[in-house]
C-alpha cells in the first residue's frame, strides 16, 4: 500500500487491535470502578483508539482532549514538542487517564505529565495503543496500560499518520524497507 511517497505493509490487523482494546477497557473498568476518571485523548493520533476504548468503558467518566505533536509529518520525532491545544477542564483532585496512540521515545509524554502534575490531579495514568520498548529514552512510571508492543518501525493506520495520511486505516501498517 502506498501512502504519499512511501510503501507500507500490514503489521497488526484490526481484529487484534479490537480484542486488546476490549481487554484494556476491562482492566480500566476494574481499576477505576469507584473513581470517575477523565480520559484525556492526545490528538491527532489517539482519536481512534480513544473512541473505541471509551465505548467499552462502563464506569462513569468524562472525556477531554489535548493536542501535542513531535513528528510534524516526518518519519522520526523532531524532539520539539508543539503544544497546540490545552485541556479546558479542571483536573484538580481527579483521576486522569491519558490515552496515547504510540509511545516511542517518551519525550512527549514526559512533557505532558509534568505539565499536568502542577494542576494537582489525584493520579495520572497512561494508556497507550502501541509501545516501542527499544526506542524508549525515558522511564514512564505512569504507563500502566499498553495494548501492543512493536519493534522500532515507522507505522501508520488506526489514527497514526504519515504526512497526515493513513489515519483512516483500520489496521496498523509498517513501512516497507
N, C-alpha and C. Protein backbone atom coordinates (compact mmCIF):
# COMPACT_ATOMS: atom_id res chain seq x y z
N UNK A 1 0.84 -1.16 0.00
CA UNK A 1 0.00 0.00 0.00
C UNK A 1 0.90 1.23 0.00
N UNK A 2 0.54 2.21 -0.81
CA UNK A 2 1.33 3.43 -0.90
C UNK A 2 0.60 4.57 -0.19
N UNK A 3 1.33 5.28 0.67
CA UNK A 3 0.82 6.48 1.33
C UNK A 3 1.85 7.56 1.06
N UNK A 4 1.38 8.61 0.40
CA UNK A 4 2.28 9.68 -0.06
C UNK A 4 3.38 9.03 -0.88
N UNK A 5 4.63 9.14 -0.46
CA UNK A 5 5.74 8.61 -1.25
C UNK A 5 6.35 7.33 -0.68
N UNK A 6 5.67 6.71 0.31
CA UNK A 6 6.22 5.51 0.94
C UNK A 6 5.31 4.31 0.79
N UNK A 7 5.91 3.13 0.81
CA UNK A 7 5.17 1.87 0.75
C UNK A 7 5.03 1.30 2.16
N UNK A 8 3.86 0.76 2.46
CA UNK A 8 3.58 0.15 3.75
C UNK A 8 2.99 -1.23 3.55
N UNK A 9 3.21 -2.10 4.55
CA UNK A 9 2.66 -3.45 4.53
C UNK A 9 1.96 -3.73 5.86
N UNK A 10 1.00 -4.66 5.86
CA UNK A 10 0.25 -4.94 7.09
C UNK A 10 1.16 -5.38 8.24
N UNK A 11 0.83 -4.90 9.44
CA UNK A 11 1.55 -5.28 10.64
C UNK A 11 0.58 -5.87 11.68
N UNK A 12 -0.49 -5.14 11.99
CA UNK A 12 -1.45 -5.60 13.01
C UNK A 12 -2.86 -5.45 12.44
N UNK A 13 -3.59 -6.57 12.33
CA UNK A 13 -4.96 -6.48 11.82
C UNK A 13 -5.90 -5.84 12.85
N UNK A 14 -6.97 -5.25 12.35
CA UNK A 14 -7.94 -4.57 13.21
C UNK A 14 -8.50 -5.51 14.28
N UNK A 15 -8.71 -6.76 13.95
CA UNK A 15 -9.28 -7.71 14.90
C UNK A 15 -8.39 -7.85 16.15
N UNK A 16 -7.09 -7.82 15.96
CA UNK A 16 -6.16 -7.89 17.09
C UNK A 16 -6.26 -6.63 17.94
N UNK A 17 -6.34 -5.48 17.29
CA UNK A 17 -6.48 -4.21 18.00
C UNK A 17 -7.79 -4.21 18.79
N UNK A 18 -8.86 -4.60 18.13
CA UNK A 18 -10.19 -4.61 18.76
C UNK A 18 -10.20 -5.49 20.02
N UNK A 19 -9.58 -6.65 19.93
CA UNK A 19 -9.51 -7.58 21.07
C UNK A 19 -8.75 -6.94 22.23
N UNK A 20 -7.61 -6.34 21.95
CA UNK A 20 -6.80 -5.72 23.01
C UNK A 20 -7.50 -4.49 23.61
N UNK A 21 -8.20 -3.73 22.79
CA UNK A 21 -8.94 -2.56 23.30
C UNK A 21 -9.98 -3.03 24.32
N UNK A 22 -10.68 -4.10 24.02
CA UNK A 22 -11.69 -4.62 24.95
C UNK A 22 -11.05 -5.14 26.23
N UNK A 23 -9.91 -5.79 26.11
CA UNK A 23 -9.22 -6.30 27.30
C UNK A 23 -8.74 -5.15 28.20
N UNK A 24 -8.18 -4.12 27.59
CA UNK A 24 -7.71 -2.98 28.37
C UNK A 24 -8.88 -2.23 29.00
N UNK A 25 -9.97 -2.09 28.27
CA UNK A 25 -11.16 -1.44 28.85
C UNK A 25 -11.65 -2.22 30.06
N UNK A 26 -11.57 -3.54 30.00
CA UNK A 26 -11.95 -4.36 31.15
C UNK A 26 -11.06 -4.08 32.36
N UNK A 27 -9.76 -3.93 32.12
CA UNK A 27 -8.83 -3.59 33.20
C UNK A 27 -9.15 -2.21 33.78
N UNK A 28 -9.41 -1.25 32.89
CA UNK A 28 -9.75 0.10 33.34
C UNK A 28 -11.05 0.11 34.13
N UNK A 29 -12.03 -0.66 33.68
CA UNK A 29 -13.29 -0.74 34.41
C UNK A 29 -13.08 -1.25 35.83
N UNK A 30 -12.21 -2.22 35.98
CA UNK A 30 -11.92 -2.77 37.31
C UNK A 30 -11.12 -1.78 38.15
N UNK A 31 -10.09 -1.19 37.55
CA UNK A 31 -9.20 -0.30 38.29
C UNK A 31 -9.84 1.04 38.66
N UNK A 32 -10.82 1.49 37.89
CA UNK A 32 -11.43 2.79 38.13
C UNK A 32 -12.91 2.67 38.53
N UNK A 33 -13.29 1.52 39.06
CA UNK A 33 -14.70 1.24 39.38
C UNK A 33 -15.34 2.31 40.26
N UNK A 34 -14.58 2.91 41.15
CA UNK A 34 -15.16 3.89 42.07
C UNK A 34 -14.48 5.26 41.97
N UNK A 35 -13.94 5.59 40.78
CA UNK A 35 -13.12 6.80 40.69
C UNK A 35 -13.59 7.85 39.68
N UNK A 36 -14.50 7.60 38.79
CA UNK A 36 -14.95 8.57 37.77
C UNK A 36 -13.78 9.29 37.09
N UNK A 37 -12.98 8.58 36.32
CA UNK A 37 -11.80 9.19 35.69
C UNK A 37 -12.17 10.15 34.56
N UNK A 38 -11.18 10.96 34.20
CA UNK A 38 -11.27 11.77 32.99
C UNK A 38 -10.31 11.14 31.99
N UNK A 39 -10.83 10.66 30.88
CA UNK A 39 -10.00 10.12 29.81
C UNK A 39 -9.58 11.29 28.93
N UNK A 40 -8.27 11.49 28.81
CA UNK A 40 -7.74 12.60 28.03
C UNK A 40 -7.07 12.04 26.78
N UNK A 41 -7.71 12.23 25.65
CA UNK A 41 -7.16 11.79 24.38
C UNK A 41 -6.12 12.76 23.87
N UNK A 42 -5.02 12.23 23.37
CA UNK A 42 -3.96 13.07 22.82
C UNK A 42 -4.10 13.05 21.30
N UNK A 43 -4.48 14.21 20.78
CA UNK A 43 -4.74 14.36 19.35
C UNK A 43 -3.44 14.62 18.59
N UNK A 44 -3.40 14.32 17.32
CA UNK A 44 -4.45 13.79 16.49
C UNK A 44 -4.47 12.26 16.53
N UNK A 45 -3.33 11.65 16.72
CA UNK A 45 -3.19 10.21 16.56
C UNK A 45 -4.04 9.35 17.46
N UNK A 46 -4.37 9.82 18.65
CA UNK A 46 -5.09 8.99 19.61
C UNK A 46 -6.59 8.97 19.45
N UNK A 47 -7.14 9.67 18.46
CA UNK A 47 -8.60 9.80 18.38
C UNK A 47 -9.32 8.47 18.15
N UNK A 48 -8.80 7.60 17.31
CA UNK A 48 -9.48 6.35 17.00
C UNK A 48 -9.42 5.39 18.19
N UNK A 49 -8.25 5.28 18.79
CA UNK A 49 -8.07 4.44 19.97
C UNK A 49 -8.96 4.94 21.11
N UNK A 50 -8.97 6.25 21.32
CA UNK A 50 -9.80 6.85 22.37
C UNK A 50 -11.28 6.52 22.16
N UNK A 51 -11.75 6.69 20.93
CA UNK A 51 -13.16 6.44 20.64
C UNK A 51 -13.53 4.98 20.92
N UNK A 52 -12.73 4.05 20.42
CA UNK A 52 -13.03 2.64 20.63
C UNK A 52 -12.90 2.25 22.10
N UNK A 53 -11.92 2.82 22.79
CA UNK A 53 -11.70 2.49 24.19
C UNK A 53 -12.87 2.95 25.06
N UNK A 54 -13.28 4.20 24.94
CA UNK A 54 -14.33 4.70 25.83
C UNK A 54 -15.69 4.06 25.53
N UNK A 55 -15.86 3.53 24.33
CA UNK A 55 -17.10 2.79 24.03
C UNK A 55 -17.20 1.52 24.86
N UNK A 56 -16.06 1.01 25.32
CA UNK A 56 -16.02 -0.21 26.12
C UNK A 56 -15.93 0.06 27.62
N UNK A 57 -15.74 1.31 27.99
CA UNK A 57 -15.65 1.69 29.40
C UNK A 57 -17.06 1.81 29.98
N UNK A 58 -17.28 1.15 31.10
CA UNK A 58 -18.61 1.16 31.71
C UNK A 58 -18.68 1.99 32.99
N UNK A 59 -17.54 2.44 33.51
CA UNK A 59 -17.55 3.26 34.72
C UNK A 59 -17.91 4.70 34.35
N UNK A 60 -18.51 5.44 35.27
CA UNK A 60 -18.78 6.86 34.99
C UNK A 60 -17.45 7.56 34.69
N UNK A 61 -17.44 8.35 33.62
CA UNK A 61 -16.20 9.00 33.22
C UNK A 61 -16.49 10.25 32.41
N UNK A 62 -15.47 11.05 32.24
CA UNK A 62 -15.54 12.22 31.36
C UNK A 62 -14.49 12.03 30.27
N UNK A 63 -14.64 12.80 29.21
CA UNK A 63 -13.72 12.75 28.08
C UNK A 63 -13.24 14.16 27.78
N UNK A 64 -11.95 14.31 27.56
CA UNK A 64 -11.37 15.59 27.18
C UNK A 64 -10.22 15.32 26.21
N UNK A 65 -9.72 16.38 25.59
CA UNK A 65 -8.65 16.22 24.61
C UNK A 65 -7.59 17.30 24.79
N UNK A 66 -6.38 16.94 24.39
CA UNK A 66 -5.28 17.88 24.28
C UNK A 66 -4.58 17.53 22.96
N UNK A 67 -3.81 18.46 22.44
CA UNK A 67 -3.13 18.19 21.18
C UNK A 67 -1.66 18.57 21.30
N UNK A 68 -0.82 17.56 21.10
CA UNK A 68 0.63 17.73 21.11
C UNK A 68 1.18 17.02 19.88
N UNK A 69 2.31 17.48 19.40
CA UNK A 69 2.95 16.77 18.29
C UNK A 69 4.45 16.93 18.36
N UNK A 70 5.14 15.91 17.87
CA UNK A 70 6.60 15.97 17.80
C UNK A 70 7.14 15.39 16.49
N UNK A 71 6.26 14.82 15.68
CA UNK A 71 6.71 14.25 14.40
C UNK A 71 6.64 15.27 13.26
N UNK A 72 5.62 16.09 13.25
CA UNK A 72 5.47 17.15 12.25
C UNK A 72 5.54 16.63 10.81
N UNK A 73 4.91 15.49 10.55
CA UNK A 73 4.82 14.96 9.21
C UNK A 73 5.97 14.07 8.77
N UNK A 74 7.01 13.95 9.57
CA UNK A 74 8.18 13.17 9.18
C UNK A 74 8.14 11.74 9.69
N UNK A 75 9.27 11.06 9.58
CA UNK A 75 9.39 9.66 9.98
C UNK A 75 9.95 9.50 11.38
N UNK A 76 10.50 10.55 11.97
CA UNK A 76 11.08 10.49 13.31
C UNK A 76 10.62 11.69 14.12
N UNK A 77 10.63 11.49 15.42
CA UNK A 77 10.33 12.60 16.33
C UNK A 77 11.37 13.68 16.15
N UNK A 78 10.91 14.92 16.10
CA UNK A 78 11.83 16.05 15.98
C UNK A 78 12.39 16.45 17.34
N UNK A 79 11.82 15.87 18.41
CA UNK A 79 12.16 16.20 19.80
C UNK A 79 11.71 17.60 20.19
N UNK A 80 11.05 18.29 19.26
CA UNK A 80 10.47 19.59 19.57
C UNK A 80 8.96 19.39 19.67
N UNK A 81 8.42 19.66 20.85
CA UNK A 81 7.00 19.41 21.09
C UNK A 81 6.19 20.65 20.80
N UNK A 82 5.21 20.49 19.93
CA UNK A 82 4.25 21.56 19.70
C UNK A 82 3.06 21.30 20.61
N UNK A 83 2.79 22.22 21.50
CA UNK A 83 1.66 22.14 22.43
C UNK A 83 0.56 23.00 21.82
N UNK A 84 -0.31 22.34 21.06
CA UNK A 84 -1.25 23.08 20.22
C UNK A 84 -2.61 23.34 20.85
N UNK A 85 -3.00 22.51 21.82
CA UNK A 85 -4.36 22.62 22.37
C UNK A 85 -4.34 22.09 23.79
N UNK A 86 -4.61 22.95 24.75
CA UNK A 86 -4.54 22.58 26.16
C UNK A 86 -5.90 22.07 26.64
N UNK A 87 -5.87 21.36 27.76
CA UNK A 87 -7.10 20.91 28.40
C UNK A 87 -7.90 22.10 28.89
N UNK A 88 -9.21 22.02 28.74
CA UNK A 88 -10.06 23.11 29.22
C UNK A 88 -10.83 22.71 30.47
N UNK A 89 -10.56 21.52 30.99
CA UNK A 89 -11.27 21.02 32.16
C UNK A 89 -10.37 21.10 33.39
N UNK A 90 -10.96 21.36 34.54
CA UNK A 90 -10.23 21.40 35.80
C UNK A 90 -9.95 19.96 36.23
N UNK A 91 -8.68 19.61 36.41
CA UNK A 91 -8.33 18.23 36.75
C UNK A 91 -7.89 18.08 38.20
N UNK A 92 -7.94 19.15 38.96
CA UNK A 92 -7.51 19.08 40.35
C UNK A 92 -8.32 18.03 41.11
N UNK A 93 -7.60 17.11 41.76
CA UNK A 93 -8.24 16.06 42.56
C UNK A 93 -8.89 14.95 41.75
N UNK A 94 -8.72 14.97 40.44
CA UNK A 94 -9.35 13.97 39.57
C UNK A 94 -8.34 12.93 39.11
N UNK A 95 -8.85 11.76 38.75
CA UNK A 95 -8.02 10.69 38.20
C UNK A 95 -7.98 10.84 36.68
N UNK A 96 -6.78 10.98 36.15
CA UNK A 96 -6.59 11.23 34.73
C UNK A 96 -6.01 9.98 34.06
N UNK A 97 -6.62 9.60 32.94
CA UNK A 97 -6.09 8.52 32.11
C UNK A 97 -5.75 9.15 30.76
N UNK A 98 -4.45 9.31 30.49
CA UNK A 98 -4.00 9.83 29.21
C UNK A 98 -4.07 8.71 28.18
N UNK A 99 -4.73 8.97 27.06
CA UNK A 99 -4.89 7.96 26.01
C UNK A 99 -4.03 8.39 24.82
N UNK A 100 -2.96 7.62 24.60
CA UNK A 100 -1.95 7.95 23.60
C UNK A 100 -1.92 6.89 22.51
N UNK A 101 -1.64 7.31 21.27
CA UNK A 101 -1.57 6.35 20.18
C UNK A 101 -0.30 5.51 20.24
N UNK A 102 0.85 6.17 20.43
CA UNK A 102 2.11 5.45 20.40
C UNK A 102 3.13 6.10 21.33
N UNK A 103 3.87 5.27 22.03
CA UNK A 103 4.96 5.75 22.88
C UNK A 103 6.24 5.21 22.28
N UNK A 104 7.07 6.14 21.81
CA UNK A 104 8.38 5.70 21.32
C UNK A 104 9.47 6.24 22.24
N UNK A 105 9.93 7.47 22.10
CA UNK A 105 10.98 7.97 22.99
C UNK A 105 10.46 8.27 24.39
N UNK A 106 9.18 8.62 24.50
CA UNK A 106 8.60 9.01 25.78
C UNK A 106 8.73 10.49 26.06
N UNK A 107 9.35 11.23 25.17
CA UNK A 107 9.58 12.66 25.33
C UNK A 107 8.28 13.45 25.46
N UNK A 108 7.34 13.19 24.58
CA UNK A 108 6.07 13.92 24.60
C UNK A 108 5.29 13.63 25.88
N UNK A 109 5.25 12.37 26.27
CA UNK A 109 4.53 12.01 27.50
C UNK A 109 5.18 12.63 28.73
N UNK A 110 6.49 12.61 28.81
CA UNK A 110 7.17 13.25 29.94
C UNK A 110 6.79 14.72 30.05
N UNK A 111 6.77 15.40 28.92
CA UNK A 111 6.38 16.81 28.87
C UNK A 111 4.94 16.99 29.37
N UNK A 112 4.03 16.19 28.85
CA UNK A 112 2.61 16.34 29.20
C UNK A 112 2.36 16.00 30.67
N UNK A 113 2.95 14.95 31.16
CA UNK A 113 2.75 14.55 32.56
C UNK A 113 3.25 15.66 33.49
N UNK A 114 4.42 16.21 33.22
CA UNK A 114 4.95 17.30 34.05
C UNK A 114 4.03 18.51 34.00
N UNK A 115 3.50 18.79 32.83
CA UNK A 115 2.59 19.93 32.66
C UNK A 115 1.31 19.74 33.47
N UNK A 116 0.79 18.51 33.48
CA UNK A 116 -0.47 18.24 34.18
C UNK A 116 -0.29 18.08 35.69
N UNK A 117 0.85 17.60 36.14
CA UNK A 117 1.08 17.39 37.57
C UNK A 117 0.95 18.67 38.39
N UNK A 118 1.31 19.81 37.82
CA UNK A 118 1.20 21.07 38.56
C UNK A 118 -0.26 21.46 38.81
N UNK A 119 -1.17 20.82 38.11
CA UNK A 119 -2.61 21.08 38.30
C UNK A 119 -3.21 20.19 39.39
N UNK A 120 -2.38 19.43 40.05
CA UNK A 120 -2.71 18.61 41.20
C UNK A 120 -3.86 17.60 40.98
N UNK A 121 -3.74 16.74 39.96
CA UNK A 121 -4.73 15.67 39.83
C UNK A 121 -4.51 14.63 40.92
N UNK A 122 -5.53 13.83 41.20
CA UNK A 122 -5.38 12.74 42.18
C UNK A 122 -4.39 11.71 41.66
N UNK A 123 -4.43 11.44 40.36
CA UNK A 123 -3.50 10.49 39.74
C UNK A 123 -3.45 10.74 38.24
N UNK A 124 -2.34 10.30 37.64
CA UNK A 124 -2.20 10.31 36.19
C UNK A 124 -1.71 8.93 35.78
N UNK A 125 -2.43 8.34 34.85
CA UNK A 125 -2.06 7.04 34.30
C UNK A 125 -2.06 7.17 32.78
N UNK A 126 -1.20 6.41 32.12
CA UNK A 126 -1.14 6.43 30.66
C UNK A 126 -1.62 5.10 30.11
N UNK A 127 -2.46 5.20 29.09
CA UNK A 127 -2.96 4.05 28.35
C UNK A 127 -2.54 4.26 26.89
N UNK A 128 -1.67 3.39 26.38
CA UNK A 128 -1.14 3.55 25.03
C UNK A 128 -1.55 2.39 24.14
N UNK A 129 -1.88 2.71 22.92
CA UNK A 129 -2.17 1.67 21.93
C UNK A 129 -0.90 0.89 21.61
N UNK A 130 0.18 1.61 21.31
CA UNK A 130 1.44 0.98 20.92
C UNK A 130 2.60 1.48 21.77
N UNK A 131 3.53 0.58 22.03
CA UNK A 131 4.77 0.92 22.72
C UNK A 131 5.93 0.35 21.93
N UNK A 132 6.95 1.18 21.70
CA UNK A 132 8.20 0.74 21.08
C UNK A 132 9.25 0.68 22.18
N UNK A 133 9.39 -0.46 22.88
CA UNK A 133 10.32 -0.53 24.01
C UNK A 133 11.76 -0.18 23.64
N UNK A 134 12.19 -0.55 22.44
CA UNK A 134 13.58 -0.29 22.03
C UNK A 134 13.86 1.18 21.76
N UNK A 135 12.83 1.98 21.57
CA UNK A 135 13.00 3.41 21.30
C UNK A 135 12.89 4.25 22.55
N UNK A 136 12.39 3.67 23.64
CA UNK A 136 12.11 4.41 24.87
C UNK A 136 13.38 5.00 25.48
N UNK A 137 13.36 6.30 25.70
CA UNK A 137 14.51 7.00 26.29
C UNK A 137 14.21 7.49 27.70
N UNK A 138 12.95 7.51 28.08
CA UNK A 138 12.54 7.99 29.41
C UNK A 138 11.71 6.92 30.10
N UNK A 139 11.99 6.71 31.37
CA UNK A 139 11.16 5.80 32.16
C UNK A 139 9.86 6.52 32.46
N UNK A 140 8.74 5.87 32.16
CA UNK A 140 7.44 6.49 32.39
C UNK A 140 6.67 5.60 33.35
N UNK A 141 6.75 5.94 34.63
CA UNK A 141 6.08 5.14 35.66
C UNK A 141 4.57 5.12 35.48
N UNK A 142 4.02 6.16 34.88
CA UNK A 142 2.57 6.27 34.70
C UNK A 142 2.03 5.38 33.59
N UNK A 143 2.91 4.79 32.79
CA UNK A 143 2.49 3.93 31.68
C UNK A 143 2.05 2.57 32.23
N UNK A 144 0.76 2.40 32.43
CA UNK A 144 0.22 1.20 33.07
C UNK A 144 -0.52 0.27 32.11
N UNK A 145 -1.01 0.82 31.02
CA UNK A 145 -1.81 0.03 30.08
C UNK A 145 -1.21 0.17 28.68
N UNK A 146 -0.82 -0.95 28.09
CA UNK A 146 -0.27 -0.96 26.74
C UNK A 146 -0.99 -2.05 25.96
N UNK A 147 -1.61 -1.66 24.86
CA UNK A 147 -2.33 -2.64 24.05
C UNK A 147 -1.35 -3.59 23.36
N UNK A 148 -0.35 -3.02 22.68
CA UNK A 148 0.56 -3.83 21.88
C UNK A 148 1.96 -3.23 21.87
N UNK A 149 2.97 -4.10 21.92
CA UNK A 149 4.35 -3.66 21.76
C UNK A 149 4.79 -4.00 20.34
N UNK A 150 5.56 -3.08 19.75
CA UNK A 150 6.06 -3.29 18.40
C UNK A 150 7.55 -2.98 18.34
N UNK A 151 8.18 -3.43 17.26
CA UNK A 151 9.59 -3.10 17.01
C UNK A 151 9.69 -1.61 16.71
N UNK A 152 10.89 -1.11 16.67
CA UNK A 152 11.11 0.30 16.40
C UNK A 152 10.99 0.57 14.89
N UNK A 153 9.74 0.51 14.41
CA UNK A 153 9.44 0.70 13.00
C UNK A 153 8.47 1.87 12.86
N UNK A 154 8.46 2.48 11.70
CA UNK A 154 7.51 3.56 11.44
C UNK A 154 6.19 2.93 11.01
N UNK A 155 5.11 3.32 11.68
CA UNK A 155 3.80 2.72 11.42
C UNK A 155 2.74 3.78 11.15
N UNK A 156 1.71 3.35 10.42
CA UNK A 156 0.54 4.20 10.15
C UNK A 156 -0.71 3.37 10.34
N UNK A 157 -1.85 4.05 10.37
CA UNK A 157 -3.14 3.39 10.47
C UNK A 157 -3.72 3.51 11.86
N UNK A 158 -5.01 3.31 11.96
CA UNK A 158 -5.74 3.36 13.22
C UNK A 158 -5.40 4.64 14.00
N UNK A 159 -5.40 5.77 13.28
CA UNK A 159 -5.14 7.06 13.88
C UNK A 159 -3.74 7.59 13.65
N UNK A 160 -2.78 6.72 13.40
CA UNK A 160 -1.40 7.13 13.16
C UNK A 160 -1.23 7.53 11.70
N UNK A 161 -0.36 8.50 11.44
CA UNK A 161 -0.27 9.02 10.08
C UNK A 161 1.15 9.12 9.57
N UNK A 162 1.22 9.31 8.28
CA UNK A 162 2.42 9.77 7.60
C UNK A 162 1.99 10.95 6.74
N UNK A 163 2.54 12.11 7.02
CA UNK A 163 2.18 13.34 6.30
C UNK A 163 0.66 13.57 6.34
N UNK A 164 0.06 13.29 7.51
CA UNK A 164 -1.37 13.46 7.79
C UNK A 164 -2.26 12.48 7.02
N UNK A 165 -1.68 11.49 6.38
CA UNK A 165 -2.46 10.50 5.65
C UNK A 165 -2.31 9.12 6.31
N UNK A 166 -3.31 8.28 6.12
CA UNK A 166 -3.28 6.92 6.63
C UNK A 166 -3.98 6.73 7.96
N UNK A 167 -4.43 7.81 8.59
CA UNK A 167 -5.10 7.71 9.89
C UNK A 167 -6.37 6.87 9.81
N UNK A 168 -7.01 6.87 8.66
CA UNK A 168 -8.31 6.22 8.48
C UNK A 168 -8.24 4.70 8.30
N UNK A 169 -7.05 4.14 8.20
CA UNK A 169 -6.92 2.70 8.00
C UNK A 169 -7.30 1.96 9.28
N UNK A 170 -8.03 0.86 9.14
CA UNK A 170 -8.48 0.12 10.32
C UNK A 170 -7.35 -0.62 11.02
N UNK A 171 -6.44 -1.18 10.26
CA UNK A 171 -5.32 -1.90 10.84
C UNK A 171 -4.11 -0.98 10.97
N UNK A 172 -2.99 -1.59 11.39
CA UNK A 172 -1.73 -0.85 11.51
C UNK A 172 -0.75 -1.43 10.49
N UNK A 173 -0.07 -0.55 9.81
CA UNK A 173 0.84 -0.92 8.73
C UNK A 173 2.24 -0.38 9.01
N UNK A 174 3.26 -1.17 8.67
CA UNK A 174 4.64 -0.73 8.87
C UNK A 174 5.25 -0.34 7.53
N UNK A 175 6.22 0.54 7.61
CA UNK A 175 6.92 0.99 6.41
C UNK A 175 7.70 -0.17 5.83
N UNK A 176 7.56 -0.35 4.53
CA UNK A 176 8.36 -1.35 3.82
C UNK A 176 9.75 -0.76 3.61
N UNK A 177 10.76 -1.54 3.94
CA UNK A 177 12.12 -1.03 3.78
C UNK A 177 12.84 -1.76 2.68
